[in-house]
C-alpha atoms as a PDB file:
ATOM      1  CA  MET A   1      12.627  21.888  29.992  1.00  0.00           C
ATOM      2  CA  ASN A   2      13.560  18.607  30.267  1.00  0.00           C
ATOM      3  CA  MET A   3      14.274  16.496  27.063  1.00  0.00           C
ATOM      4  CA  PRO A   4      13.211  12.809  27.117  1.00  0.00           C
ATOM      5  CA  GLU A   5      15.955  10.115  26.737  1.00  0.00           C
ATOM      6  CA  ARG A   6      17.435   8.621  24.197  1.00  0.00           C
ATOM      7  CA  GLN A   7      15.835   4.934  23.973  1.00  0.00           C
ATOM      8  CA  HIS A   8      18.783   2.297  23.089  1.00  0.00           C
ATOM      9  CA  THR A   9      17.528  -0.621  20.993  1.00  0.00           C
ATOM     10  CA  ASP A  10      18.931  -3.917  22.219  1.00  0.00           C
ATOM     11  CA  GLY A  11      17.361  -6.187  19.467  1.00  0.00           C
ATOM     12  CA  GLY A  12      13.909  -6.811  21.603  1.00  0.00           C
ATOM     13  CA  ARG A  13      10.715  -5.513  20.424  1.00  0.00           C
ATOM     14  CA  VAL A  14      10.903  -4.782  16.632  1.00  0.00           C
ATOM     15  CA  LEU A  15       7.659  -3.087  16.448  1.00  0.00           C
ATOM     16  CA  ASP A  16       6.557  -0.311  18.655  1.00  0.00           C
ATOM     17  CA  ASN A  17       2.503   1.284  18.698  1.00  0.00           C
ATOM     18  CA  ASN A  18       3.256   3.283  16.147  1.00  0.00           C
ATOM     19  CA  ASN A  19       4.795   1.195  13.531  1.00  0.00           C
ATOM     20  CA  THR A  20       2.405  -1.452  14.178  1.00  0.00           C
ATOM     21  CA  ARG A  21      -0.973   1.345  13.494  1.00  0.00           C
ATOM     22  CA  ALA A  22       1.307   2.493  10.386  1.00  0.00           C
ATOM     23  CA  LEU A  23       1.534  -1.611   9.470  1.00  0.00           C
ATOM     24  CA  ILE A  24      -1.946  -2.357  10.175  1.00  0.00           C
ATOM     25  CA  ILE A  25      -3.376   0.949   7.542  1.00  0.00           C
ATOM     26  CA  PHE A  26      -1.075  -0.149   5.114  1.00  0.00           C
ATOM     27  CA  LEU A  27      -1.936  -3.406   4.791  1.00  0.00           C
ATOM     28  CA  VAL A  28      -5.458  -2.274   5.141  1.00  0.00           C
ATOM     29  CA  ILE A  29      -5.325   0.269   2.117  1.00  0.00           C
ATOM     30  CA  GLY A  30      -4.006  -2.457   0.241  1.00  0.00           C
ATOM     31  CA  LEU A  31      -6.533  -4.855   0.456  1.00  0.00           C
ATOM     32  CA  ILE A  32      -8.738  -1.997  -0.594  1.00  0.00           C
ATOM     33  CA  ALA A  33      -6.752  -1.515  -3.323  1.00  0.00           C
ATOM     34  CA  GLY A  34      -6.774  -5.236  -3.827  1.00  0.00           C
ATOM     35  CA  TRP A  35     -10.295  -5.243  -3.906  1.00  0.00           C
ATOM     36  CA  LEU A  36     -11.031  -2.083  -6.123  1.00  0.00           C
ATOM     37  CA  ALA A  37      -8.347  -3.353  -8.533  1.00  0.00           C
ATOM     38  CA  SER A  38     -10.412  -7.094  -9.024  1.00  0.00           C
ATOM     39  CA  TRP A  39     -13.375  -5.410  -9.171  1.00  0.00           C
ATOM     40  CA  ILE A  40     -11.802  -3.499 -12.099  1.00  0.00           C
ATOM     41  CA  VAL A  41     -10.045  -6.043 -13.629  1.00  0.00           C
ATOM     42  CA  GLY A  42     -11.402  -9.561 -12.130  1.00  0.00           C
ATOM     43  CA  GLY A  43     -10.389 -11.891 -10.301  1.00  0.00           C
ATOM     44  CA  GLY A  44     -10.656 -12.690  -6.690  1.00  0.00           C
ATOM     45  CA  GLY A  45      -9.562 -13.982  -3.018  1.00  0.00           C
ATOM     46  CA  LEU A  46      -8.968 -12.429   0.076  1.00  0.00           C
ATOM     47  CA  LEU A  47      -5.106 -12.865   0.267  1.00  0.00           C
ATOM     48  CA  THR A  48      -4.648 -12.073  -3.664  1.00  0.00           C
ATOM     49  CA  TYR A  49      -6.636  -8.859  -3.050  1.00  0.00           C
ATOM     50  CA  LEU A  50      -4.386  -8.412   0.007  1.00  0.00           C
ATOM     51  CA  VAL A  51      -0.823  -9.095  -2.017  1.00  0.00           C
ATOM     52  CA  SER A  52      -2.228  -7.154  -5.626  1.00  0.00           C
ATOM     53  CA  GLY A  53      -2.554  -4.252  -3.005  1.00  0.00           C
ATOM     54  CA  VAL A  54       0.365  -4.226  -0.929  1.00  0.00           C
ATOM     55  CA  LEU A  55       2.087  -5.038  -4.242  1.00  0.00           C
ATOM     56  CA  GLY A  56       0.085  -2.454  -6.020  1.00  0.00           C
ATOM     57  CA  ALA A  57       0.681   0.276  -3.366  1.00  0.00           C
ATOM     58  CA  PHE A  58       4.646  -0.209  -4.328  1.00  0.00           C
ATOM     59  CA  VAL A  59       4.166   0.163  -8.001  1.00  0.00           C
ATOM     60  CA  GLY A  60       1.795   2.567  -8.108  1.00  0.00           C
ATOM     61  CA  GLY A  61       3.438   5.576  -5.552  1.00  0.00           C
ATOM     62  CA  TYR A  62       6.975   4.630  -8.121  1.00  0.00           C
ATOM     63  CA  LEU A  63       5.365   5.077 -11.087  1.00  0.00           C
ATOM     64  CA  PHE A  64       3.421   8.296  -9.592  1.00  0.00           C
ATOM     65  CA  SER A  65       6.036  10.033  -8.430  1.00  0.00           C
ATOM     66  CA  ALA A  66       8.636   9.153 -11.294  1.00  0.00           C
ATOM     67  CA  LEU A  67       5.842  10.858 -13.707  1.00  0.00           C
ATOM     68  CA  LYS A  68       4.807  13.631 -11.082  1.00  0.00           C
ATOM     69  CA  ILE A  69       1.664  12.643 -10.877  1.00  0.00           C
ATOM     70  CA  SER A  70      -0.100  14.379  -7.437  1.00  0.00           C
ATOM     71  CA  LEU A  71      -3.778  13.524  -7.169  1.00  0.00           C
ATOM     72  CA  PRO A  72      -5.705  16.765  -6.429  1.00  0.00           C
ATOM     73  CA  ILE A  73      -7.286  15.111  -3.698  1.00  0.00           C
ATOM     74  CA  ARG A  74      -7.270  16.840  -0.225  1.00  0.00           C
ATOM     75  CA  ASN A  75      -7.610  13.449   1.794  1.00  0.00           C
ATOM     76  CA  VAL A  76      -4.363  11.522   1.789  1.00  0.00           C
ATOM     77  CA  TRP A  77      -6.563   8.040   2.877  1.00  0.00           C
ATOM     78  CA  VAL A  78      -8.326   8.646  -0.631  1.00  0.00           C
ATOM     79  CA  SER A  79      -5.543   9.460  -2.114  1.00  0.00           C
ATOM     80  CA  GLN A  80      -3.419   6.795  -1.146  1.00  0.00           C
ATOM     81  CA  ILE A  81      -6.192   4.009  -1.831  1.00  0.00           C
ATOM     82  CA  ILE A  82      -6.536   5.630  -5.443  1.00  0.00           C
ATOM     83  CA  THR A  83      -3.332   5.560  -6.073  1.00  0.00           C
ATOM     84  CA  SER A  84      -2.542   1.654  -4.559  1.00  0.00           C
ATOM     85  CA  THR A  85      -5.100   0.945  -6.805  1.00  0.00           C
ATOM     86  CA  VAL A  86      -3.851   2.409 -10.020  1.00  0.00           C
ATOM     87  CA  GLY A  87      -0.515   0.265  -9.007  1.00  0.00           C
ATOM     88  CA  ALA A  88      -2.498  -2.899  -8.384  1.00  0.00           C
ATOM     89  CA  ILE A  89      -4.465  -2.797 -11.993  1.00  0.00           C
ATOM     90  CA  ILE A  90      -0.905  -2.795 -13.210  1.00  0.00           C
ATOM     91  CA  VAL A  91       0.202  -5.526 -11.134  1.00  0.00           C
ATOM     92  CA  VAL A  92      -2.631  -7.659 -12.127  1.00  0.00           C
ATOM     93  CA  ILE A  93      -2.302  -7.312 -15.408  1.00  0.00           C
ATOM     94  CA  VAL A  94       1.552  -8.003 -15.301  1.00  0.00           C
ATOM     95  CA  ALA A  95       1.042 -10.959 -13.305  1.00  0.00           C
ATOM     96  CA  ARG A  96      -1.528 -12.176 -15.932  1.00  0.00           C
ATOM     97  CA  LEU A  97       0.074 -11.412 -18.948  1.00  0.00           C
ATOM     98  CA  ILE A  98       3.188 -13.568 -17.330  1.00  0.00           C
ATOM     99  CA  ALA A  99       1.167 -16.248 -16.796  1.00  0.00           C
ATOM    100  CA  GLY A 100      -0.357 -16.686 -20.245  1.00  0.00           C
END
């Protein structure tokens, strides 16, 4: 059986097709989560949706992990969107509290 050769990086391309696809999916999930969060707590704007959703993905993921919350949803995309939306809601509320 032939083993694939190990690829050496020379500082060239950083993102290959899999990484690019994962980044796009992450951004789309963040955009959906930001839109849902703004629909729940108010706010608007495409950039606002994206920023709050992406930050919410990290906050929600950390929070659910720290509290050992596991959603009983089989669909991984829906689970990630819900987790990101919860985090985005928290991000929006905290941002409003800080901004006054």
